C-alpha atoms as a PDB file:
ATOM      1  CA  MET A   1      20.122  -7.959 136.004  1.00  0.00           C
ATOM      2  CA  MET A   2      18.597  -4.714 137.279  1.00  0.00           C
ATOM      3  CA  LYS A   3      20.663  -2.691 134.815  1.00  0.00           C
ATOM      4  CA  LYS A   4      19.546  -4.914 131.934  1.00  0.00           C
ATOM      5  CA  SER A   5      15.919  -4.486 132.980  1.00  0.00           C
ATOM      6  CA  LEU A   6      16.251  -0.698 133.188  1.00  0.00           C
ATOM      7  CA  LEU A   7      17.968  -0.568 129.824  1.00  0.00           C
ATOM      8  CA  ALA A   8      15.262  -2.737 128.249  1.00  0.00           C
ATOM      9  CA  SER A   9      12.473  -0.561 129.696  1.00  0.00           C
ATOM     10  CA  ALA A  10      14.125   2.667 128.562  1.00  0.00           C
ATOM     11  CA  ALA A  11      14.747   1.191 125.114  1.00  0.00           C
ATOM     12  CA  ALA A  12      11.053   0.305 124.848  1.00  0.00           C
ATOM     13  CA  ILE A  13      10.073   3.850 125.838  1.00  0.00           C
ATOM     14  CA  LEU A  14      12.497   5.241 123.265  1.00  0.00           C
ATOM     15  CA  ALA A  15      11.028   2.990 120.584  1.00  0.00           C
ATOM     16  CA  LEU A  16       7.471   4.146 121.367  1.00  0.00           C
ATOM     17  CA  ALA A  17       8.555   7.783 121.397  1.00  0.00           C
ATOM     18  CA  THR A  18      10.255   7.261 118.032  1.00  0.00           C
ATOM     19  CA  ILE A  19       7.608   5.300 116.154  1.00  0.00           C
ATOM     20  CA  GLY A  20       4.547   6.385 118.137  1.00  0.00           C
ATOM     21  CA  GLY A  21       3.383   2.807 118.800  1.00  0.00           C
ATOM     22  CA  ALA A  22       0.414   2.188 116.506  1.00  0.00           C
ATOM     23  CA  GLN A  23       0.174   5.866 115.601  1.00  0.00           C
ATOM     24  CA  ALA A  24       0.912   6.950 112.025  1.00  0.00           C
ATOM     25  CA  ALA A  25       2.707   9.998 113.462  1.00  0.00           C
ATOM     26  CA  PRO A  26       4.649   9.832 116.750  1.00  0.00           C
ATOM     27  CA  VAL A  27       3.377  11.868 119.675  1.00  0.00           C
ATOM     28  CA  PRO A  28       5.931  14.644 120.331  1.00  0.00           C
ATOM     29  CA  MET A  29       7.691  14.410 123.695  1.00  0.00           C
ATOM     30  CA  ILE A  30       7.021  17.233 126.176  1.00  0.00           C
ATOM     31  CA  THR A  31       9.917  18.475 128.282  1.00  0.00           C
ATOM     32  CA  GLY A  32       9.489  20.492 131.451  1.00  0.00           C
ATOM     33  CA  GLY A  33       9.596  24.284 131.381  1.00  0.00           C
ATOM     34  CA  GLN A  34       7.845  27.196 129.696  1.00  0.00           C
ATOM     35  CA  ILE A  35       6.104  25.822 126.603  1.00  0.00           C
ATOM     36  CA  LYS A  36       4.840  27.939 123.707  1.00  0.00           C
ATOM     37  CA  PHE A  37       2.382  26.742 121.037  1.00  0.00           C
ATOM     38  CA  SER A  38       2.380  28.918 117.892  1.00  0.00           C
ATOM     39  CA  LEU A  39      -0.767  28.540 115.804  1.00  0.00           C
ATOM     40  CA  ASP A  40      -2.776  29.675 112.789  1.00  0.00           C
ATOM     41  CA  ASN A  41      -6.558  29.620 112.781  1.00  0.00           C
ATOM     42  CA  PHE A  42      -9.807  30.616 111.105  1.00  0.00           C
ATOM     43  CA  ASP A  43     -12.754  32.027 113.095  1.00  0.00           C
ATOM     44  CA  SER A  44     -16.452  32.221 112.471  1.00  0.00           C
ATOM     45  CA  ALA A  45     -17.658  35.106 114.642  1.00  0.00           C
ATOM     46  CA  THR A  46     -20.593  37.397 115.299  1.00  0.00           C
ATOM     47  CA  THR A  47     -19.342  40.893 114.446  1.00  0.00           C
ATOM     48  CA  LEU A  48     -22.325  42.872 113.135  1.00  0.00           C
ATOM     49  CA  TYR A  49     -23.304  44.838 116.249  1.00  0.00           C
ATOM     50  CA  GLY A  50     -23.580  48.104 114.317  1.00  0.00           C
ATOM     51  CA  ASN A  51     -21.742  51.434 114.292  1.00  0.00           C
ATOM     52  CA  VAL A  52     -23.705  53.358 116.922  1.00  0.00           C
ATOM     53  CA  VAL A  53     -21.515  54.186 119.929  1.00  0.00           C
ATOM     54  CA  GLY A  54     -22.625  52.677 123.241  1.00  0.00           C
ATOM     55  CA  VAL A  55     -23.238  49.449 125.124  1.00  0.00           C
ATOM     56  CA  LYS A  56     -25.059  47.047 122.796  1.00  0.00           C
ATOM     57  CA  CYS A  57     -26.029  44.301 125.264  1.00  0.00           C
ATOM     58  CA  LEU A  58     -25.403  42.949 128.783  1.00  0.00           C
ATOM     59  CA  THR A  59     -26.647  39.339 128.555  1.00  0.00           C
ATOM     60  CA  VAL A  60     -26.289  36.475 126.087  1.00  0.00           C
ATOM     61  CA  VAL A  61     -29.966  36.806 125.107  1.00  0.00           C
ATOM     62  CA  SER A  62     -29.758  40.549 124.511  1.00  0.00           C
ATOM     63  CA  CYS A  63     -26.513  40.144 122.529  1.00  0.00           C
ATOM     64  CA  ASN A  64     -28.269  37.612 120.294  1.00  0.00           C
ATOM     65  CA  ALA A  65     -30.901  40.244 119.606  1.00  0.00           C
ATOM     66  CA  ALA A  66     -28.406  43.080 119.157  1.00  0.00           C
ATOM     67  CA  ALA A  67     -26.424  41.446 116.336  1.00  0.00           C
ATOM     68  CA  SER A  68     -27.844  41.911 112.837  1.00  0.00           C
ATOM     69  CA  ALA A  69     -26.580  38.436 111.853  1.00  0.00           C
ATOM     70  CA  PRO A  70     -25.158  35.508 113.861  1.00  0.00           C
ATOM     71  CA  ALA A  71     -21.874  33.771 113.156  1.00  0.00           C
ATOM     72  CA  LEU A  72     -22.287  31.320 110.263  1.00  0.00           C
ATOM     73  CA  GLY A  73     -20.898  28.491 112.405  1.00  0.00           C
ATOM     74  CA  SER A  74     -23.717  28.891 114.936  1.00  0.00           C
ATOM     75  CA  VAL A  75     -26.620  28.691 112.479  1.00  0.00           C
ATOM     76  CA  GLY A  76     -28.193  25.258 112.984  1.00  0.00           C
ATOM     77  CA  SER A  77     -25.543  24.395 115.577  1.00  0.00           C
ATOM     78  CA  VAL A  78     -26.038  22.548 118.870  1.00  0.00           C
ATOM     79  CA  SER A  79     -25.212  25.950 120.399  1.00  0.00           C
ATOM     80  CA  PRO A  80     -27.055  28.581 118.318  1.00  0.00           C
ATOM     81  CA  SER A  81     -26.132  31.337 120.803  1.00  0.00           C
ATOM     82  CA  ALA A  82     -22.398  30.796 120.242  1.00  0.00           C
ATOM     83  CA  ASP A  83     -20.584  33.795 118.769  1.00  0.00           C
ATOM     84  CA  THR A  84     -17.003  32.538 118.312  1.00  0.00           C
ATOM     85  CA  MET A  85     -15.866  29.157 116.949  1.00  0.00           C
ATOM     86  CA  GLY A  86     -13.203  27.882 114.585  1.00  0.00           C
ATOM     87  CA  ILE A  87     -10.319  25.613 113.670  1.00  0.00           C
ATOM     88  CA  PHE A  88      -6.592  25.917 114.272  1.00  0.00           C
ATOM     89  CA  SER A  89      -3.306  24.343 113.241  1.00  0.00           C
ATOM     90  CA  ILE A  90      -0.170  24.283 115.401  1.00  0.00           C
ATOM     91  CA  SER A  91       2.894  25.502 113.479  1.00  0.00           C
ATOM     92  CA  THR A  92       5.504  24.909 116.213  1.00  0.00           C
ATOM     93  CA  ILE A  93       5.788  23.902 119.859  1.00  0.00           C
ATOM     94  CA  SER A  94       8.881  25.156 121.647  1.00  0.00           C
ATOM     95  CA  ASN A  95      10.407  25.036 125.111  1.00  0.00           C
ATOM     96  CA  ALA A  96      11.505  28.592 125.937  1.00  0.00           C
ATOM     97  CA  THR A  97      13.253  27.465 129.113  1.00  0.00           C
ATOM     98  CA  LEU A  98      15.544  25.054 127.260  1.00  0.00           C
ATOM     99  CA  GLY A  99      15.584  26.900 123.915  1.00  0.00           C
ATOM    100  CA  THR A 100      14.453  23.790 122.029  1.00  0.00           C
ATOM    101  CA  THR A 101      11.786  23.022 119.415  1.00  0.00           C
ATOM    102  CA  LEU A 102       9.533  20.081 120.337  1.00  0.00           C
ATOM    103  CA  PHE A 103       7.296  20.029 117.260  1.00  0.00           C
ATOM    104  CA  THR A 104       7.389  21.439 113.718  1.00  0.00           C
ATOM    105  CA  LYS A 105       4.322  21.292 111.490  1.00  0.00           C
ATOM    106  CA  GLY A 106       4.698  18.821 108.635  1.00  0.00           C
ATOM    107  CA  ALA A 107       8.032  17.423 109.781  1.00  0.00           C
ATOM    108  CA  GLN A 108       6.351  15.556 112.675  1.00  0.00           C
ATOM    109  CA  GLY A 109       2.810  15.255 111.373  1.00  0.00           C
ATOM    110  CA  PHE A 110       0.102  17.837 112.000  1.00  0.00           C
ATOM    111  CA  ILE A 111      -1.623  19.015 115.178  1.00  0.00           C
ATOM    112  CA  THR A 112      -5.015  20.560 114.470  1.00  0.00           C
ATOM    113  CA  GLY A 113      -7.914  21.537 116.651  1.00  0.00           C
ATOM    114  CA  ILE A 114     -11.351  23.012 117.212  1.00  0.00           C
ATOM    115  CA  PHE A 115     -12.588  25.686 119.590  1.00  0.00           C
ATOM    116  CA  GLY A 116     -16.144  26.864 120.049  1.00  0.00           C
ATOM    117  CA  ASP A 117     -19.251  27.588 122.141  1.00  0.00           C
ATOM    118  CA  LEU A 118     -18.071  31.079 123.181  1.00  0.00           C
ATOM    119  CA  SER A 119     -21.152  33.296 123.640  1.00  0.00           C
ATOM    120  CA  ASP A 120     -20.978  37.096 123.879  1.00  0.00           C
ATOM    121  CA  HIS A 121     -22.684  38.503 126.966  1.00  0.00           C
ATOM    122  CA  THR A 122     -21.461  42.120 126.872  1.00  0.00           C
ATOM    123  CA  VAL A 123     -20.655  44.183 123.787  1.00  0.00           C
ATOM    124  CA  GLU A 124     -19.699  47.849 123.485  1.00  0.00           C
ATOM    125  CA  VAL A 125     -18.957  50.064 120.470  1.00  0.00           C
ATOM    126  CA  THR A 126     -16.558  52.978 121.047  1.00  0.00           C
ATOM    127  CA  LEU A 127     -15.086  55.794 118.946  1.00  0.00           C
ATOM    128  CA  GLY A 128     -11.336  56.364 119.149  1.00  0.00           C
ATOM    129  CA  LEU A 129      -8.324  57.457 117.144  1.00  0.00           C
ATOM    130  CA  SER A 130      -8.661  54.392 114.915  1.00  0.00           C
ATOM    131  CA  GLY A 131     -12.357  55.009 114.313  1.00  0.00           C
ATOM    132  CA  LEU A 132     -15.188  52.769 115.527  1.00  0.00           C
ATOM    133  CA  ASN A 133     -14.179  49.728 117.557  1.00  0.00           C
ATOM    134  CA  THR A 134     -16.123  46.879 119.126  1.00  0.00           C
ATOM    135  CA  ALA A 135     -15.227  45.091 122.357  1.00  0.00           C
ATOM    136  CA  ALA A 136     -16.942  41.831 123.290  1.00  0.00           C
ATOM    137  CA  VAL A 137     -16.772  39.692 126.418  1.00  0.00           C
ATOM    138  CA  SER A 138     -17.844  36.048 126.295  1.00  0.00           C
ATOM    139  CA  THR A 139     -18.789  33.093 128.469  1.00  0.00           C
ATOM    140  CA  GLY A 140     -18.329  29.369 127.922  1.00  0.00           C
ATOM    141  CA  GLY A 141     -15.880  27.944 125.424  1.00  0.00           C
ATOM    142  CA  PHE A 142     -13.908  24.733 124.861  1.00  0.00           C
ATOM    143  CA  PHE A 143     -11.009  23.497 122.748  1.00  0.00           C
ATOM    144  CA  GLN A 144      -9.695  20.131 121.524  1.00  0.00           C
ATOM    145  CA  MET A 145      -6.528  19.282 119.574  1.00  0.00           C
ATOM    146  CA  TRP A 146      -5.481  16.104 117.767  1.00  0.00           C
ATOM    147  CA  LEU A 147      -2.386  14.659 116.087  1.00  0.00           C
ATOM    148  CA  HIS A 148      -2.847  13.693 112.396  1.00  0.00           C
ATOM    149  CA  ASP A 149      -1.006  12.830 109.200  1.00  0.00           C
ATOM    150  CA  ASN A 150      -2.699  15.761 107.406  1.00  0.00           C
ATOM    151  CA  ASP A 151      -3.339  19.458 108.060  1.00  0.00           C
ATOM    152  CA  TYR A 152      -6.778  21.066 108.396  1.00  0.00           C
ATOM    153  CA  ASN A 153      -8.743  22.212 105.335  1.00  0.00           C
ATOM    154  CA  PRO A 154     -10.277  25.668 105.979  1.00  0.00           C
ATOM    155  CA  THR A 155     -11.859  25.793 102.498  1.00  0.00           C
ATOM    156  CA  LEU A 156     -14.655  23.568 103.858  1.00  0.00           C
ATOM    157  CA  GLY A 157     -15.922  26.661 105.700  1.00  0.00           C
ATOM    158  CA  PRO A 158     -17.724  26.879 109.061  1.00  0.00           C
ATOM    159  CA  ALA A 159     -21.328  26.128 108.030  1.00  0.00           C
ATOM    160  CA  VAL A 160     -23.023  23.265 109.904  1.00  0.00           C
ATOM    161  CA  GLY A 161     -23.596  20.040 107.960  1.00  0.00           C
ATOM    162  CA  ALA A 162     -21.933  16.874 106.632  1.00  0.00           C
ATOM    163  CA  GLY A 163     -20.322  15.909 109.934  1.00  0.00           C
ATOM    164  CA  LYS A 164     -19.441  19.521 110.720  1.00  0.00           C
ATOM    165  CA  ASP A 165     -20.563  21.462 113.802  1.00  0.00           C
ATOM    166  CA  LEU A 166     -17.746  23.426 115.412  1.00  0.00           C
ATOM    167  CA  ASN A 167     -19.689  23.957 118.645  1.00  0.00           C
ATOM    168  CA  ALA A 168     -20.078  20.177 118.986  1.00  0.00           C
ATOM    169  CA  GLY A 169     -16.356  19.633 118.334  1.00  0.00           C
ATOM    170  CA  MET A 170     -16.938  18.226 114.834  1.00  0.00           C
ATOM    171  CA  TYR A 171     -14.989  19.182 111.699  1.00  0.00           C
ATOM    172  CA  PRO A 172     -13.942  16.799 108.882  1.00  0.00           C
ATOM    173  CA  GLY A 173     -10.261  15.879 109.008  1.00  0.00           C
ATOM    174  CA  VAL A 174      -9.751  17.617 112.376  1.00  0.00           C
ATOM    175  CA  SER A 175     -11.869  15.868 115.036  1.00  0.00           C
ATOM    176  CA  SER A 176     -10.075  12.512 114.799  1.00  0.00           C
ATOM    177  CA  GLY A 177      -6.604  11.069 115.340  1.00  0.00           C
ATOM    178  CA  THR A 178      -4.828  11.104 118.699  1.00  0.00           C
ATOM    179  CA  LEU A 179      -6.424  13.522 121.194  1.00  0.00           C
ATOM    180  CA  LEU A 180      -3.489  15.429 122.688  1.00  0.00           C
ATOM    181  CA  LEU A 181      -5.341  18.008 124.797  1.00  0.00           C
ATOM    182  CA  SER A 182      -8.880  19.097 125.570  1.00  0.00           C
ATOM    183  CA  GLY A 183     -10.058  21.820 127.882  1.00  0.00           C
ATOM    184  CA  ASN A 184     -12.308  24.768 128.677  1.00  0.00           C
ATOM    185  CA  PHE A 185     -11.958  28.527 128.656  1.00  0.00           C
ATOM    186  CA  ALA A 186     -11.626  29.524 132.317  1.00  0.00           C
ATOM    187  CA  ALA A 187     -14.405  31.607 133.896  1.00  0.00           C
ATOM    188  CA  GLY A 188     -13.448  34.633 136.006  1.00  0.00           C
ATOM    189  CA  ALA A 189      -9.901  34.730 134.686  1.00  0.00           C
ATOM    190  CA  VAL A 190      -9.580  37.179 131.818  1.00  0.00           C
ATOM    191  CA  LEU A 191     -10.668  40.548 133.292  1.00  0.00           C
ATOM    192  CA  ALA A 192      -9.906  41.935 136.769  1.00  0.00           C
ATOM    193  CA  GLY A 193     -13.048  42.087 138.915  1.00  0.00           C
ATOM    194  CA  ASP A 194     -15.046  39.969 136.442  1.00  0.00           C
ATOM    195  CA  LEU A 195     -15.788  36.487 137.820  1.00  0.00           C
ATOM    196  CA  LEU A 196     -17.977  35.362 134.905  1.00  0.00           C
ATOM    197  CA  SER A 197     -16.230  35.994 131.597  1.00  0.00           C
ATOM    198  CA  THR A 198     -13.965  33.537 129.783  1.00  0.00           C
ATOM    199  CA  TYR A 199     -12.739  35.464 126.727  1.00  0.00           C
ATOM    200  CA  PHE A 200     -12.186  39.099 125.719  1.00  0.00           C
ATOM    201  CA  THR A 201     -11.856  40.398 122.176  1.00  0.00           C
ATOM    202  CA  SER A 202     -11.749  43.793 120.476  1.00  0.00           C
ATOM    203  CA  TYR A 203     -11.600  44.784 116.814  1.00  0.00           C
ATOM    204  CA  ASN A 204     -11.845  47.710 114.416  1.00  0.00           C
ATOM    205  CA  ASN A 205     -15.267  47.896 112.766  1.00  0.00           C
ATOM    206  CA  GLY A 206     -13.812  48.864 109.417  1.00  0.00           C
ATOM    207  CA  THR A 207     -11.100  46.218 109.026  1.00  0.00           C
ATOM    208  CA  PHE A 208     -12.070  43.502 111.552  1.00  0.00           C
ATOM    209  CA  GLY A 209      -8.430  43.683 112.648  1.00  0.00           C
ATOM    210  CA  GLY A 210      -8.179  42.975 116.349  1.00  0.00           C
ATOM    211  CA  ASN A 211      -7.065  40.672 119.114  1.00  0.00           C
ATOM    212  CA  GLY A 212      -8.372  38.358 121.820  1.00  0.00           C
ATOM    213  CA  GLN A 213      -7.245  36.601 124.964  1.00  0.00           C
ATOM    214  CA  GLY A 214      -8.314  34.047 127.550  1.00  0.00           C
ATOM    215  CA  PHE A 215      -7.075  31.499 130.091  1.00  0.00           C
ATOM    216  CA  LEU A 216      -7.646  27.768 129.603  1.00  0.00           C
ATOM    217  CA  ASN A 217      -7.983  24.729 131.875  1.00  0.00           C
ATOM    218  CA  ILE A 218      -7.079  21.184 130.814  1.00  0.00           C
ATOM    219  CA  THR A 219      -9.683  18.404 131.041  1.00  0.00           C
ATOM    220  CA  GLY A 220      -8.140  15.513 129.065  1.00  0.00           C
ATOM    221  CA  GLY A 221      -5.837  14.174 126.360  1.00  0.00           C
ATOM    222  CA  VAL A 222      -2.573  12.229 126.383  1.00  0.00           C
ATOM    223  CA  TRP A 223      -0.677  15.402 127.402  1.00  0.00           C
ATOM    224  CA  ALA A 224      -3.082  16.235 130.247  1.00  0.00           C
ATOM    225  CA  THR A 225      -0.665  15.260 133.023  1.00  0.00           C
ATOM    226  CA  GLN A 226       2.071  17.483 131.606  1.00  0.00           C
ATOM    227  CA  PHE A 227      -0.120  20.587 131.200  1.00  0.00           C
ATOM    228  CA  ASP A 228      -2.711  20.302 134.005  1.00  0.00           C
ATOM    229  CA  THR A 229      -0.454  22.284 136.345  1.00  0.00           C
ATOM    230  CA  ASN A 230      -2.418  25.389 137.494  1.00  0.00           C
ATOM    231  CA  ALA A 231       0.894  27.218 137.100  1.00  0.00           C
ATOM    232  CA  LEU A 232      -0.414  30.503 135.611  1.00  0.00           C
ATOM    233  CA  THR A 233      -1.968  33.306 137.680  1.00  0.00           C
ATOM    234  CA  ASN A 234      -4.970  35.015 136.072  1.00  0.00           C
ATOM    235  CA  ALA A 235      -6.325  38.569 136.347  1.00  0.00           C
ATOM    236  CA  ASN A 236      -8.215  37.746 139.567  1.00  0.00           C
ATOM    237  CA  GLY A 237      -5.447  35.798 141.292  1.00  0.00           C
ATOM    238  CA  GLY A 238      -6.769  32.350 140.370  1.00  0.00           C
ATOM    239  CA  LYS A 239      -4.702  29.581 138.820  1.00  0.00           C
ATOM    240  CA  ASN A 240      -5.069  28.164 135.308  1.00  0.00           C
ATOM    241  CA  ASP A 241      -3.134  25.898 132.951  1.00  0.00           C
ATOM    242  CA  LEU A 242      -2.752  27.810 129.668  1.00  0.00           C
ATOM    243  CA  PHE A 243      -2.983  31.372 128.360  1.00  0.00           C
ATOM    244  CA  LEU A 244      -4.146  32.189 124.821  1.00  0.00           C
ATOM    245  CA  THR A 245      -3.543  35.376 122.869  1.00  0.00           C
ATOM    246  CA  ASN A 246      -4.342  35.930 119.193  1.00  0.00           C
ATOM    247  CA  THR A 247      -4.321  38.638 116.528  1.00  0.00           C
ATOM    248  CA  PHE A 248      -6.790  38.505 113.649  1.00  0.00           C
ATOM    249  CA  ASP A 249      -7.895  40.245 110.429  1.00  0.00           C
ATOM    250  CA  ASP A 250      -9.510  39.650 107.031  1.00  0.00           C
ATOM    251  CA  VAL A 251      -6.926  41.352 104.820  1.00  0.00           C
ATOM    252  CA  ASN A 252      -7.717  40.813 101.109  1.00  0.00           C
ATOM    253  CA  GLY A 253     -10.707  38.634 102.038  1.00  0.00           C
ATOM    254  CA  ALA A 254      -8.444  35.709 102.935  1.00  0.00           C
ATOM    255  CA  ALA A 255     -11.042  34.467 105.438  1.00  0.00           C
ATOM    256  CA  SER A 256     -14.358  35.763 104.097  1.00  0.00           C
ATOM    257  CA  SER A 257     -13.652  34.381 100.605  1.00  0.00           C
ATOM    258  CA  ILE A 258     -13.994  30.888 102.114  1.00  0.00           C
ATOM    259  CA  ARG A 259     -16.883  31.883 104.434  1.00  0.00           C
ATOM    260  CA  TRP A 260     -14.915  32.468 107.644  1.00  0.00           C
ATOM    261  CA  THR A 261     -14.986  35.837 109.438  1.00  0.00           C
ATOM    262  CA  VAL A 262     -11.271  36.295 110.121  1.00  0.00           C
ATOM    263  CA  LYS A 263      -7.981  34.432 110.024  1.00  0.00           C
ATOM    264  CA  SER A 264      -5.530  34.790 112.875  1.00  0.00           C
ATOM    265  CA  VAL A 265      -2.188  33.902 114.363  1.00  0.00           C
ATOM    266  CA  GLY A 266      -1.729  33.274 118.044  1.00  0.00           C
ATOM    267  CA  GLN A 267       0.146  31.590 120.794  1.00  0.00           C
ATOM    268  CA  VAL A 268      -0.654  29.534 123.858  1.00  0.00           C
ATOM    269  CA  THR A 269       1.789  29.558 126.764  1.00  0.00           C
ATOM    270  CA  ALA A 270       2.072  27.115 129.651  1.00  0.00           C
ATOM    271  CA  ASN A 271       4.446  25.838 132.300  1.00  0.00           C
ATOM    272  CA  ALA A 272       4.699  22.080 131.759  1.00  0.00           C
ATOM    273  CA  ILE A 273       6.161  19.223 133.740  1.00  0.00           C
ATOM    274  CA  PRO A 274       8.150  16.597 131.800  1.00  0.00           C
ATOM    275  CA  GLU A 275       6.354  13.427 130.780  1.00  0.00           C
ATOM    276  CA  PRO A 276       7.521  10.141 132.367  1.00  0.00           C
ATOM    277  CA  SER A 277       9.114   8.911 129.135  1.00  0.00           C
ATOM    278  CA  SER A 278      11.402  11.944 128.948  1.00  0.00           C
ATOM    279  CA  ILE A 279      12.443  11.385 132.552  1.00  0.00           C
ATOM    280  CA  ALA A 280      13.197   7.735 131.775  1.00  0.00           C
ATOM    281  CA  LEU A 281      15.203   8.702 128.711  1.00  0.00           C
ATOM    282  CA  ALA A 282      17.157  11.227 130.770  1.00  0.00           C
ATOM    283  CA  GLY A 283      17.814   8.463 133.294  1.00  0.00           C
ATOM    284  CA  LEU A 284      18.996   6.194 130.489  1.00  0.00           C
ATOM    285  CA  ALA A 285      21.419   8.884 129.321  1.00  0.00           C
ATOM    286  CA  LEU A 286      22.805   9.273 132.845  1.00  0.00           C
ATOM    287  CA  LEU A 287      23.091   5.504 133.228  1.00  0.00           C
ATOM    288  CA  GLY A 288      24.980   5.267 129.943  1.00  0.00           C
ATOM    289  CA  ALA A 289      27.348   8.020 131.038  1.00  0.00           C
ATOM    290  CA  GLY A 290      27.945   6.186 134.329  1.00  0.00           C
ATOM    291  CA  LEU A 291      28.685   2.879 132.605  1.00  0.00           C
ATOM    292  CA  ALA A 292      31.084   4.606 130.210  1.00  0.00           C
ATOM    293  CA  SER A 293      32.877   6.235 133.138  1.00  0.00           C
ATOM    294  CA  ARG A 294      33.257   2.855 134.895  1.00  0.00           C
ATOM    295  CA  ARG A 295      34.712   1.292 131.731  1.00  0.00           C
ATOM    296  CA  ARG A 296      37.286   4.085 131.435  1.00  0.00           C
ATOM    297  CA  LYS A 297      38.312   3.593 135.075  1.00  0.00           C
ATOM    298  CA  ALA A 298      38.527  -0.171 134.600  1.00  0.00           C
END
């Protein structure tokens, strides 16, 4: 009787994992180990701090004044001081420990998200071998990601209006569906000796080609238990859940032609614990192997 009950429970879990319950697209199953999210995104960012070498600002207020124009996504936003915001789409999720792919864009639906409310508080322009470069350090920041039947539509642009405010977590076709993860950019994590900043970015003034990085902490979503692990050590010895790196540019106007600042590719890494359903399914597999062994012996 106990075996029948276990088999029935595991079969129910398998059915939900396969059809996603009432979801149009099933929620991908997370296995334990080192997880990597590969993503594409479009940013709206404040970049016009000028070409004069030196420190441009040391507070959010002074950085607002130093920029000749704010990011388009912050104009009329709930957070008008925000300097970085955008949308992203997950292309794959893989388990590097096991060498397996957990999610592929399109084949298993679409996972899209929003990030925003990152405000520059220190900006410096330097002259190097590649010419003039700008480095910016930010505070604040959040992200949210959902499972959908359709991908994001970047041609809608970042401007506020018609149910769209990136800094409020609103973007048509993105901010709906099944919330998989939500979280914040972690303060005091990205730069050694800096206990305030949440995100660091640098770029070439001529091409806008550059990169950024930051640590993230999980606050909610159906995957929260699997990723809220505090398994990563940051630059100041603290513990966080995820680490983001990205590389961006505006080659051939691919972003600016649809009113974004840059497009980018990136990855988020984490050490996850397996979700209960995957443990149950593993138990079912072991149980089946045990029953088969008993039949052979009989």
